């Protein structure tokens, strides 16, 4: 089937977000930082905010569980913008090239509805999507729940079999494949341009 649509995840694909960019200097102790991120402000907790829970509510829940870490937990979302370090230039360059092709471009991201507007405002390449972005925090659904892919497919009247899905998370890639998408898994050393060309996409 001919590919008509290319769908991008954002974190780890187009933007470099990592809580360590803030907490490395905050703790000045890598062991303590890793303990905090693995056991206190773990990714499963952050994902609930990506699923639509308010940042303030998520923070309060965790502070009640770990009162001795209150200062650090409150620092998490207060300094969230420091964690969004930069774009990922080589992949954004591919996105810009795709803008001048006939492919439809979409975003499908696990991202808090409260923090996503900052990224939209500060990184101009998001405008390339013309608003065709499905944000987990807005939908109250999160990858790898298949329902969020169905939101994208139904809202924009597209077919999985005519679409490439690009993500850095193996679980999301696995789910997308099971739904009929062609997939590209992004690693730090992935040549996205080459991967797309291997699938017959001309840039």
N, C-alpha and C. Protein backbone atom coordinates (compact mmCIF):
# COMPACT_ATOMS: atom_id res chain seq x y z
N UNK A 1 0.84 -1.20 0.00
CA UNK A 1 0.00 0.00 0.00
C UNK A 1 0.88 1.25 0.00
N UNK A 2 0.45 2.26 -0.71
CA UNK A 2 1.24 3.49 -0.82
C UNK A 2 1.20 4.28 0.50
N UNK A 3 2.37 4.78 0.92
CA UNK A 3 2.44 5.60 2.13
C UNK A 3 1.98 7.02 1.81
N UNK A 4 1.03 7.51 2.62
CA UNK A 4 0.53 8.88 2.44
C UNK A 4 0.78 9.75 3.66
N UNK A 5 1.00 9.12 4.83
CA UNK A 5 1.05 9.86 6.08
C UNK A 5 2.29 9.49 6.89
N UNK A 6 2.88 10.49 7.53
CA UNK A 6 4.04 10.25 8.40
C UNK A 6 3.73 10.88 9.76
N UNK A 7 3.79 10.05 10.80
CA UNK A 7 3.36 10.45 12.14
C UNK A 7 4.56 10.45 13.08
N UNK A 8 4.78 11.56 13.74
CA UNK A 8 5.93 11.72 14.63
C UNK A 8 5.51 11.73 16.10
N UNK A 9 6.22 10.93 16.91
CA UNK A 9 6.27 11.19 18.34
C UNK A 9 7.21 12.40 18.50
N UNK A 10 7.19 13.05 19.66
CA UNK A 10 8.01 14.25 19.84
C UNK A 10 9.21 14.03 20.77
N UNK A 11 8.96 13.65 22.02
CA UNK A 11 10.07 13.47 22.97
C UNK A 11 10.99 12.34 22.55
N UNK A 12 12.27 12.63 22.41
CA UNK A 12 13.23 11.62 21.97
C UNK A 12 13.30 11.47 20.47
N UNK A 13 12.39 12.14 19.76
CA UNK A 13 12.38 12.08 18.29
C UNK A 13 12.68 13.46 17.71
N UNK A 14 11.91 14.46 18.13
CA UNK A 14 12.14 15.83 17.64
C UNK A 14 12.66 16.76 18.73
N UNK A 15 12.40 16.44 19.99
CA UNK A 15 12.91 17.27 21.10
C UNK A 15 13.60 16.41 22.14
N UNK A 16 14.63 17.01 22.75
CA UNK A 16 15.46 16.31 23.73
C UNK A 16 15.01 16.74 25.12
N UNK A 17 14.14 15.92 25.74
CA UNK A 17 13.64 16.20 27.09
C UNK A 17 14.18 15.15 28.04
N UNK A 18 14.71 15.61 29.17
CA UNK A 18 15.21 14.67 30.16
C UNK A 18 15.29 15.39 31.51
N UNK A 19 14.65 14.86 32.56
CA UNK A 19 14.69 15.55 33.86
C UNK A 19 16.11 15.71 34.40
N UNK A 20 17.03 14.90 33.91
CA UNK A 20 18.42 15.00 34.38
C UNK A 20 19.05 16.33 34.00
N UNK A 21 18.57 16.98 32.95
CA UNK A 21 19.14 18.28 32.58
C UNK A 21 18.94 19.31 33.68
N UNK A 22 17.91 19.17 34.47
CA UNK A 22 17.74 20.05 35.62
C UNK A 22 18.37 19.46 36.89
N UNK A 23 18.07 18.19 37.16
CA UNK A 23 18.42 17.63 38.47
C UNK A 23 19.91 17.32 38.63
N UNK A 24 20.65 17.26 37.53
CA UNK A 24 22.10 17.00 37.65
C UNK A 24 22.76 18.10 38.48
N UNK A 25 22.46 19.35 38.18
CA UNK A 25 23.03 20.47 38.94
C UNK A 25 22.32 20.63 40.28
N UNK A 26 21.03 20.33 40.29
CA UNK A 26 20.24 20.49 41.52
C UNK A 26 20.81 19.60 42.64
N UNK A 27 21.04 18.33 42.32
CA UNK A 27 21.54 17.39 43.32
C UNK A 27 23.07 17.45 43.45
N UNK A 28 23.72 17.64 42.30
CA UNK A 28 25.19 17.58 42.26
C UNK A 28 25.68 16.25 42.85
N UNK A 29 24.88 15.23 42.64
CA UNK A 29 25.17 13.89 43.19
C UNK A 29 24.38 12.90 42.32
N UNK A 30 25.08 12.27 41.39
CA UNK A 30 24.40 11.42 40.40
C UNK A 30 23.65 10.26 41.04
N UNK A 31 24.23 9.71 42.09
CA UNK A 31 23.59 8.55 42.74
C UNK A 31 22.25 8.97 43.37
N UNK A 32 22.25 10.10 44.04
CA UNK A 32 21.03 10.61 44.67
C UNK A 32 19.99 10.97 43.60
N UNK A 33 20.47 11.59 42.52
CA UNK A 33 19.57 11.96 41.42
C UNK A 33 18.89 10.73 40.83
N UNK A 34 19.66 9.70 40.57
CA UNK A 34 19.10 8.49 39.96
C UNK A 34 18.12 7.81 40.92
N UNK A 35 18.43 7.84 42.20
CA UNK A 35 17.50 7.27 43.18
C UNK A 35 16.17 8.02 43.13
N UNK A 36 16.24 9.33 43.12
CA UNK A 36 15.04 10.18 43.08
C UNK A 36 14.21 9.91 41.83
N UNK A 37 14.87 9.82 40.68
CA UNK A 37 14.14 9.65 39.41
C UNK A 37 13.62 8.24 39.23
N UNK A 38 14.24 7.27 39.88
CA UNK A 38 13.79 5.88 39.73
C UNK A 38 12.75 5.49 40.78
N UNK A 39 12.78 6.16 41.94
CA UNK A 39 11.93 5.72 43.05
C UNK A 39 10.93 6.75 43.55
N UNK A 40 11.17 8.04 43.29
CA UNK A 40 10.30 9.09 43.83
C UNK A 40 9.54 9.80 42.70
N UNK A 41 10.27 10.39 41.78
CA UNK A 41 9.64 11.06 40.63
C UNK A 41 9.81 10.16 39.39
N UNK A 42 9.36 8.92 39.53
CA UNK A 42 9.60 7.93 38.48
C UNK A 42 8.74 8.22 37.23
N UNK A 43 9.14 7.62 36.13
CA UNK A 43 8.46 7.90 34.85
C UNK A 43 6.98 7.54 34.91
N UNK A 44 6.61 6.51 35.67
CA UNK A 44 5.19 6.12 35.77
C UNK A 44 4.36 7.24 36.38
N UNK A 45 4.94 7.96 37.32
CA UNK A 45 4.26 9.10 37.96
C UNK A 45 4.10 10.25 36.94
N UNK A 46 5.17 10.57 36.25
CA UNK A 46 5.12 11.64 35.24
C UNK A 46 4.11 11.31 34.14
N UNK A 47 4.01 10.03 33.79
CA UNK A 47 3.08 9.62 32.73
C UNK A 47 1.63 9.92 33.08
N UNK A 48 1.30 9.91 34.37
CA UNK A 48 -0.08 10.23 34.76
C UNK A 48 -0.41 11.70 34.45
N UNK A 49 0.59 12.56 34.55
CA UNK A 49 0.38 13.96 34.15
C UNK A 49 0.25 14.02 32.62
N UNK A 50 1.01 13.19 31.92
CA UNK A 50 0.87 13.12 30.46
C UNK A 50 -0.52 12.58 30.07
N UNK A 51 -1.12 11.80 30.96
CA UNK A 51 -2.45 11.25 30.70
C UNK A 51 -3.56 12.26 31.02
N UNK A 52 -3.19 13.40 31.61
CA UNK A 52 -4.18 14.43 31.82
C UNK A 52 -4.36 14.88 33.26
N UNK A 53 -3.65 14.22 34.19
CA UNK A 53 -3.76 14.67 35.58
C UNK A 53 -3.05 16.02 35.71
N UNK A 54 -3.64 16.93 36.50
CA UNK A 54 -3.03 18.25 36.70
C UNK A 54 -1.66 18.11 37.35
N UNK A 55 -0.73 18.96 36.93
CA UNK A 55 0.62 18.92 37.51
C UNK A 55 0.56 19.13 39.01
N UNK A 56 -0.29 20.07 39.46
CA UNK A 56 -0.39 20.36 40.89
C UNK A 56 -0.93 19.15 41.66
N UNK A 57 -1.91 18.48 41.06
CA UNK A 57 -2.49 17.29 41.71
C UNK A 57 -1.46 16.17 41.79
N UNK A 58 -0.78 15.93 40.69
CA UNK A 58 0.25 14.88 40.66
C UNK A 58 1.35 15.15 41.67
N UNK A 59 1.75 16.41 41.77
CA UNK A 59 2.79 16.79 42.74
C UNK A 59 2.31 16.56 44.17
N UNK A 60 1.09 16.98 44.46
CA UNK A 60 0.56 16.82 45.83
C UNK A 60 0.44 15.35 46.22
N UNK A 61 0.01 14.51 45.27
CA UNK A 61 -0.12 13.07 45.53
C UNK A 61 1.24 12.50 45.93
N UNK A 62 2.27 12.88 45.18
CA UNK A 62 3.60 12.32 45.43
C UNK A 62 4.21 12.88 46.72
N UNK A 63 3.93 14.15 47.01
CA UNK A 63 4.43 14.77 48.25
C UNK A 63 3.84 14.07 49.47
N UNK A 64 2.56 13.68 49.37
CA UNK A 64 1.93 12.95 50.49
C UNK A 64 2.60 11.58 50.69
N UNK A 65 3.00 10.97 49.58
CA UNK A 65 3.66 9.65 49.67
C UNK A 65 5.09 9.78 50.20
N UNK A 66 5.77 10.84 49.77
CA UNK A 66 7.19 11.01 50.09
C UNK A 66 7.44 12.43 50.65
N UNK A 67 6.91 12.72 51.85
CA UNK A 67 7.02 14.09 52.38
C UNK A 67 8.46 14.58 52.53
N UNK A 68 9.38 13.64 52.75
CA UNK A 68 10.78 14.04 52.92
C UNK A 68 11.41 14.53 51.61
N UNK A 69 10.72 14.28 50.49
CA UNK A 69 11.22 14.73 49.17
C UNK A 69 10.38 15.89 48.62
N UNK A 70 9.65 16.56 49.49
CA UNK A 70 8.72 17.60 49.00
C UNK A 70 9.43 18.68 48.18
N UNK A 71 10.54 19.17 48.66
CA UNK A 71 11.25 20.25 47.97
C UNK A 71 11.64 19.82 46.55
N UNK A 72 12.17 18.62 46.45
CA UNK A 72 12.60 18.11 45.13
C UNK A 72 11.41 17.87 44.21
N UNK A 73 10.33 17.32 44.77
CA UNK A 73 9.14 17.06 43.95
C UNK A 73 8.52 18.36 43.44
N UNK A 74 8.49 19.38 44.28
CA UNK A 74 7.91 20.65 43.83
C UNK A 74 8.83 21.33 42.81
N UNK A 75 10.10 21.03 42.87
CA UNK A 75 11.05 21.59 41.90
C UNK A 75 10.87 20.97 40.51
N UNK A 76 10.27 19.77 40.46
CA UNK A 76 10.17 19.03 39.19
C UNK A 76 9.44 19.85 38.13
N UNK A 77 8.19 20.19 38.35
CA UNK A 77 7.44 20.91 37.32
C UNK A 77 7.72 22.41 37.33
N UNK A 78 8.24 22.92 38.47
CA UNK A 78 8.63 24.34 38.50
C UNK A 78 9.80 24.60 37.55
N UNK A 79 10.57 23.55 37.27
CA UNK A 79 11.77 23.70 36.42
C UNK A 79 11.68 22.84 35.17
N UNK A 80 10.47 22.52 34.79
CA UNK A 80 10.26 21.62 33.65
C UNK A 80 10.90 22.15 32.37
N UNK A 81 10.89 23.47 32.18
CA UNK A 81 11.42 24.02 30.92
C UNK A 81 12.92 23.78 30.79
N UNK A 82 13.64 23.66 31.92
CA UNK A 82 15.08 23.37 31.86
C UNK A 82 15.30 21.94 31.35
N UNK A 83 14.33 21.06 31.60
CA UNK A 83 14.44 19.66 31.18
C UNK A 83 14.26 19.51 29.66
N UNK A 84 13.60 20.51 29.06
CA UNK A 84 13.41 20.51 27.60
C UNK A 84 14.61 21.23 27.01
N UNK A 85 15.66 20.46 26.75
CA UNK A 85 16.96 21.06 26.45
C UNK A 85 17.00 21.72 25.08
N UNK A 86 16.54 21.01 24.06
CA UNK A 86 16.69 21.52 22.69
C UNK A 86 15.91 20.64 21.73
N UNK A 87 15.91 21.07 20.47
CA UNK A 87 15.39 20.15 19.45
C UNK A 87 16.46 19.11 19.14
N UNK A 88 16.10 18.12 18.32
CA UNK A 88 17.07 17.12 17.85
C UNK A 88 17.31 17.46 16.37
N UNK A 89 18.37 18.23 16.08
CA UNK A 89 18.50 18.91 14.79
C UNK A 89 18.38 18.02 13.56
N UNK A 90 19.03 16.85 13.59
CA UNK A 90 19.02 16.02 12.39
C UNK A 90 17.62 15.51 12.06
N UNK A 91 16.81 15.26 13.09
CA UNK A 91 15.45 14.77 12.84
C UNK A 91 14.50 15.91 12.46
N UNK A 92 14.72 17.09 13.08
CA UNK A 92 13.92 18.25 12.70
C UNK A 92 14.21 18.64 11.25
N UNK A 93 15.46 18.47 10.83
CA UNK A 93 15.82 18.75 9.43
C UNK A 93 15.03 17.85 8.48
N UNK A 94 14.86 16.58 8.85
CA UNK A 94 14.06 15.65 8.04
C UNK A 94 12.61 16.12 7.99
N UNK A 95 12.08 16.53 9.14
CA UNK A 95 10.70 17.05 9.19
C UNK A 95 10.55 18.24 8.24
N UNK A 96 11.52 19.15 8.27
CA UNK A 96 11.43 20.34 7.40
C UNK A 96 11.46 19.94 5.92
N UNK A 97 12.24 18.94 5.60
CA UNK A 97 12.28 18.45 4.21
C UNK A 97 10.93 17.86 3.80
N UNK A 98 10.30 17.13 4.74
CA UNK A 98 9.01 16.50 4.45
C UNK A 98 7.91 17.53 4.20
N UNK A 99 8.10 18.72 4.77
CA UNK A 99 7.10 19.79 4.59
C UNK A 99 6.88 20.09 3.11
N UNK A 100 7.91 19.91 2.32
CA UNK A 100 7.84 20.24 0.89
C UNK A 100 7.47 19.04 0.02
N UNK A 101 6.88 18.03 0.62
CA UNK A 101 6.45 16.84 -0.13
C UNK A 101 4.93 16.73 -0.04
N UNK A 102 4.40 15.68 -0.65
CA UNK A 102 2.94 15.48 -0.65
C UNK A 102 2.46 14.69 0.56
N UNK A 103 3.37 14.26 1.43
CA UNK A 103 2.97 13.46 2.58
C UNK A 103 2.26 14.34 3.60
N UNK A 104 1.21 13.77 4.23
CA UNK A 104 0.56 14.46 5.35
C UNK A 104 1.37 14.18 6.61
N UNK A 105 1.58 15.21 7.42
CA UNK A 105 2.41 15.08 8.62
C UNK A 105 1.55 15.26 9.87
N UNK A 106 1.76 14.37 10.85
CA UNK A 106 0.97 14.38 12.07
C UNK A 106 1.88 14.19 13.28
N UNK A 107 1.42 14.66 14.44
CA UNK A 107 2.10 14.41 15.70
C UNK A 107 1.21 13.57 16.61
N UNK A 108 1.83 12.63 17.32
CA UNK A 108 1.12 11.80 18.31
C UNK A 108 2.03 11.69 19.52
N UNK A 109 1.73 12.46 20.56
CA UNK A 109 2.69 12.61 21.65
C UNK A 109 2.08 12.36 23.02
N UNK A 110 2.87 11.73 23.89
CA UNK A 110 2.54 11.66 25.31
C UNK A 110 3.12 12.92 25.95
N UNK A 111 2.23 13.85 26.31
CA UNK A 111 2.69 15.15 26.81
C UNK A 111 1.58 15.78 27.64
N UNK A 112 1.95 16.40 28.73
CA UNK A 112 0.97 17.08 29.57
C UNK A 112 0.34 18.24 28.80
N UNK A 113 -0.97 18.38 28.96
CA UNK A 113 -1.67 19.49 28.32
C UNK A 113 -1.19 20.84 28.86
N UNK A 114 -0.68 20.83 30.09
CA UNK A 114 -0.23 22.09 30.70
C UNK A 114 1.15 22.52 30.22
N UNK A 115 2.01 21.59 29.88
CA UNK A 115 3.37 21.96 29.47
C UNK A 115 3.55 22.02 27.95
N UNK A 116 2.69 21.36 27.20
CA UNK A 116 2.87 21.33 25.74
C UNK A 116 2.83 22.72 25.10
N UNK A 117 1.97 23.65 25.56
CA UNK A 117 1.96 24.98 24.94
C UNK A 117 3.32 25.68 24.96
N UNK A 118 4.13 25.42 25.99
CA UNK A 118 5.48 26.01 26.04
C UNK A 118 6.32 25.53 24.85
N UNK A 119 6.25 24.23 24.58
CA UNK A 119 7.01 23.67 23.45
C UNK A 119 6.51 24.26 22.14
N UNK A 120 5.21 24.35 21.99
CA UNK A 120 4.62 24.92 20.76
C UNK A 120 5.12 26.33 20.52
N UNK A 121 5.22 27.08 21.60
CA UNK A 121 5.59 28.49 21.48
C UNK A 121 7.08 28.68 21.20
N UNK A 122 7.89 27.75 21.70
CA UNK A 122 9.33 27.95 21.65
C UNK A 122 10.06 27.19 20.54
N UNK A 123 9.37 26.30 19.87
CA UNK A 123 10.00 25.55 18.77
C UNK A 123 9.14 25.70 17.52
N UNK A 124 9.64 26.46 16.57
CA UNK A 124 8.82 26.82 15.41
C UNK A 124 8.45 25.65 14.52
N UNK A 125 9.24 24.55 14.58
CA UNK A 125 8.96 23.43 13.67
C UNK A 125 7.61 22.77 13.95
N UNK A 126 7.06 22.98 15.15
CA UNK A 126 5.73 22.41 15.44
C UNK A 126 4.67 22.98 14.50
N UNK A 127 4.91 24.17 13.96
CA UNK A 127 3.94 24.78 13.03
C UNK A 127 3.80 23.97 11.74
N UNK A 128 4.81 23.18 11.43
CA UNK A 128 4.78 22.36 10.21
C UNK A 128 3.58 21.39 10.23
N UNK A 129 3.14 21.02 11.44
CA UNK A 129 2.04 20.06 11.56
C UNK A 129 0.66 20.69 11.34
N UNK A 130 0.61 22.02 11.22
CA UNK A 130 -0.67 22.71 10.99
C UNK A 130 -1.75 22.29 11.99
N UNK A 131 -1.35 22.09 13.23
CA UNK A 131 -2.33 21.75 14.27
C UNK A 131 -2.76 20.29 14.27
N UNK A 132 -2.20 19.48 13.37
CA UNK A 132 -2.60 18.06 13.30
C UNK A 132 -1.76 17.24 14.29
N UNK A 133 -2.02 17.52 15.57
CA UNK A 133 -1.26 16.91 16.66
C UNK A 133 -2.25 16.37 17.69
N UNK A 134 -2.06 15.11 18.07
CA UNK A 134 -2.87 14.49 19.13
C UNK A 134 -1.99 14.43 20.38
N UNK A 135 -2.44 15.13 21.43
CA UNK A 135 -1.68 15.24 22.69
C UNK A 135 -2.37 14.40 23.76
N UNK A 136 -1.64 13.51 24.37
CA UNK A 136 -2.22 12.57 25.34
C UNK A 136 -2.95 13.29 26.47
N UNK A 137 -2.35 14.37 26.99
CA UNK A 137 -2.95 15.06 28.12
C UNK A 137 -4.31 15.65 27.80
N UNK A 138 -4.50 16.04 26.54
CA UNK A 138 -5.78 16.59 26.10
C UNK A 138 -6.81 15.48 25.93
N UNK A 139 -6.36 14.34 25.41
CA UNK A 139 -7.26 13.23 25.10
C UNK A 139 -7.54 12.34 26.31
N UNK A 140 -6.74 12.50 27.38
CA UNK A 140 -6.83 11.62 28.57
C UNK A 140 -6.58 10.16 28.20
N UNK A 141 -5.70 9.99 27.22
CA UNK A 141 -5.26 8.66 26.76
C UNK A 141 -3.76 8.75 26.55
N UNK A 142 -3.08 7.63 26.71
CA UNK A 142 -1.63 7.68 26.60
C UNK A 142 -1.11 6.46 25.85
N UNK A 143 -0.13 6.65 24.98
CA UNK A 143 0.52 5.51 24.35
C UNK A 143 1.16 4.65 25.43
N UNK A 144 1.13 3.34 25.34
CA UNK A 144 0.72 2.52 24.19
C UNK A 144 -0.73 2.07 24.18
N UNK A 145 -1.64 2.78 24.81
CA UNK A 145 -3.07 2.44 24.71
C UNK A 145 -3.50 2.61 23.25
N UNK A 146 -3.98 1.55 22.60
CA UNK A 146 -4.33 1.65 21.18
C UNK A 146 -5.39 2.71 20.88
N UNK A 147 -6.17 3.07 21.90
CA UNK A 147 -7.25 4.04 21.67
C UNK A 147 -6.72 5.38 21.17
N UNK A 148 -5.50 5.75 21.59
CA UNK A 148 -4.99 7.07 21.18
C UNK A 148 -4.63 7.09 19.69
N UNK A 149 -4.19 5.93 19.16
CA UNK A 149 -3.95 5.85 17.71
C UNK A 149 -5.28 5.96 16.96
N UNK A 150 -6.32 5.36 17.52
CA UNK A 150 -7.63 5.41 16.86
C UNK A 150 -8.18 6.84 16.85
N UNK A 151 -7.87 7.61 17.89
CA UNK A 151 -8.26 9.04 17.89
C UNK A 151 -7.64 9.73 16.67
N UNK A 152 -6.35 9.50 16.45
CA UNK A 152 -5.65 10.10 15.32
C UNK A 152 -6.25 9.65 13.99
N UNK A 153 -6.44 8.36 13.85
CA UNK A 153 -6.95 7.80 12.57
C UNK A 153 -8.34 8.34 12.25
N UNK A 154 -9.19 8.36 13.26
CA UNK A 154 -10.59 8.77 13.02
C UNK A 154 -10.71 10.28 12.84
N UNK A 155 -9.95 11.03 13.62
CA UNK A 155 -10.06 12.50 13.55
C UNK A 155 -9.61 13.01 12.18
N UNK A 156 -8.57 12.39 11.63
CA UNK A 156 -8.00 12.91 10.38
C UNK A 156 -8.31 12.01 9.17
N UNK A 157 -9.16 11.00 9.39
CA UNK A 157 -9.62 10.14 8.30
C UNK A 157 -8.44 9.55 7.51
N UNK A 158 -7.54 8.94 8.26
CA UNK A 158 -6.39 8.29 7.62
C UNK A 158 -6.37 6.81 7.96
N UNK A 159 -5.58 6.05 7.22
CA UNK A 159 -5.48 4.60 7.40
C UNK A 159 -4.11 4.24 7.96
N UNK A 160 -4.09 3.31 8.92
CA UNK A 160 -2.82 2.85 9.49
C UNK A 160 -1.92 2.27 8.41
N UNK A 161 -2.50 1.52 7.49
CA UNK A 161 -1.73 0.86 6.44
C UNK A 161 -1.09 1.81 5.45
N UNK A 162 -1.50 3.07 5.48
CA UNK A 162 -0.92 4.09 4.59
C UNK A 162 -0.01 5.05 5.36
N UNK A 163 0.39 4.63 6.56
CA UNK A 163 1.07 5.56 7.47
C UNK A 163 2.35 4.96 8.06
N UNK A 164 3.35 5.83 8.21
CA UNK A 164 4.57 5.49 8.95
C UNK A 164 4.49 6.16 10.31
N UNK A 165 4.79 5.41 11.36
CA UNK A 165 4.79 5.94 12.73
C UNK A 165 6.22 5.90 13.25
N UNK A 166 6.69 7.04 13.78
CA UNK A 166 8.07 7.18 14.25
C UNK A 166 8.05 7.47 15.75
N UNK A 167 8.77 6.65 16.54
CA UNK A 167 8.76 6.80 18.01
C UNK A 167 10.07 6.23 18.54
N UNK A 168 10.42 6.62 19.77
CA UNK A 168 11.65 6.09 20.39
C UNK A 168 11.35 5.02 21.43
N UNK A 169 10.07 4.78 21.72
CA UNK A 169 9.70 3.85 22.78
C UNK A 169 9.31 2.50 22.17
N UNK A 170 10.01 1.42 22.54
CA UNK A 170 9.74 0.10 21.94
C UNK A 170 8.29 -0.36 22.11
N UNK A 171 7.67 -0.06 23.28
CA UNK A 171 6.28 -0.49 23.50
C UNK A 171 5.33 0.20 22.53
N UNK A 172 5.60 1.48 22.26
CA UNK A 172 4.75 2.22 21.32
C UNK A 172 4.92 1.70 19.90
N UNK A 173 6.16 1.38 19.56
CA UNK A 173 6.44 0.82 18.23
C UNK A 173 5.72 -0.52 18.05
N UNK A 174 5.81 -1.34 19.08
CA UNK A 174 5.17 -2.66 19.04
C UNK A 174 3.65 -2.53 18.85
N UNK A 175 3.04 -1.61 19.61
CA UNK A 175 1.60 -1.42 19.49
C UNK A 175 1.23 -0.89 18.11
N UNK A 176 1.99 0.08 17.62
CA UNK A 176 1.70 0.65 16.30
C UNK A 176 1.78 -0.42 15.21
N UNK A 177 2.78 -1.30 15.32
CA UNK A 177 2.90 -2.39 14.34
C UNK A 177 1.68 -3.30 14.38
N UNK A 178 1.20 -3.58 15.60
CA UNK A 178 0.05 -4.47 15.73
C UNK A 178 -1.22 -3.83 15.15
N UNK A 179 -1.23 -2.50 15.08
CA UNK A 179 -2.38 -1.78 14.51
C UNK A 179 -2.26 -1.58 13.00
N UNK A 180 -1.14 -2.02 12.44
CA UNK A 180 -1.00 -1.97 10.98
C UNK A 180 -0.13 -0.86 10.43
N UNK A 181 0.52 -0.09 11.32
CA UNK A 181 1.42 0.97 10.87
C UNK A 181 2.77 0.39 10.46
N UNK A 182 3.40 1.01 9.47
CA UNK A 182 4.82 0.82 9.23
C UNK A 182 5.53 1.68 10.28
N UNK A 183 6.63 1.18 10.86
CA UNK A 183 7.24 1.91 11.98
C UNK A 183 8.73 2.15 11.77
N UNK A 184 9.21 3.21 12.42
CA UNK A 184 10.65 3.47 12.54
C UNK A 184 10.92 3.73 14.01
N UNK A 185 11.79 2.91 14.63
CA UNK A 185 12.17 3.16 16.03
C UNK A 185 13.42 4.02 16.04
N UNK A 186 13.32 5.13 16.78
CA UNK A 186 14.43 6.07 16.86
C UNK A 186 15.35 5.72 18.03
N UNK A 187 16.64 5.63 17.73
CA UNK A 187 17.69 5.54 18.75
C UNK A 187 18.56 6.78 18.57
N UNK A 188 19.46 7.08 19.53
CA UNK A 188 20.31 8.27 19.37
C UNK A 188 21.11 8.28 18.06
N UNK A 189 21.44 7.10 17.54
CA UNK A 189 22.26 7.07 16.32
C UNK A 189 21.46 6.77 15.04
N UNK A 190 20.13 6.82 15.11
CA UNK A 190 19.30 6.54 13.94
C UNK A 190 19.46 7.64 12.90
N UNK A 191 19.66 7.23 11.65
CA UNK A 191 19.66 8.17 10.52
C UNK A 191 18.24 8.16 9.95
N UNK A 192 17.41 9.09 10.41
CA UNK A 192 15.99 9.08 10.05
C UNK A 192 15.79 9.25 8.55
N UNK A 193 16.58 10.11 7.95
CA UNK A 193 16.47 10.32 6.49
C UNK A 193 16.69 9.00 5.75
N UNK A 194 17.73 8.28 6.16
CA UNK A 194 18.04 6.99 5.52
C UNK A 194 16.92 5.98 5.76
N UNK A 195 16.41 5.94 6.99
CA UNK A 195 15.33 5.00 7.33
C UNK A 195 14.09 5.26 6.46
N UNK A 196 13.76 6.52 6.29
CA UNK A 196 12.59 6.86 5.45
C UNK A 196 12.85 6.51 3.99
N UNK A 197 14.06 6.80 3.53
CA UNK A 197 14.40 6.47 2.13
C UNK A 197 14.35 4.96 1.90
N UNK A 198 14.75 4.20 2.92
CA UNK A 198 14.68 2.72 2.83
C UNK A 198 13.24 2.24 2.65
N UNK A 199 12.28 3.07 3.12
CA UNK A 199 10.87 2.73 2.99
C UNK A 199 10.24 3.36 1.74
N UNK A 200 11.09 3.94 0.91
CA UNK A 200 10.60 4.50 -0.36
C UNK A 200 10.15 5.95 -0.28
N UNK A 201 10.44 6.62 0.85
CA UNK A 201 10.05 8.03 0.97
C UNK A 201 11.14 8.88 0.34
N UNK A 202 10.76 9.71 -0.62
CA UNK A 202 11.77 10.55 -1.29
C UNK A 202 11.77 11.92 -0.64
N UNK A 203 12.98 12.36 -0.24
CA UNK A 203 13.12 13.66 0.45
C UNK A 203 13.90 14.63 -0.44
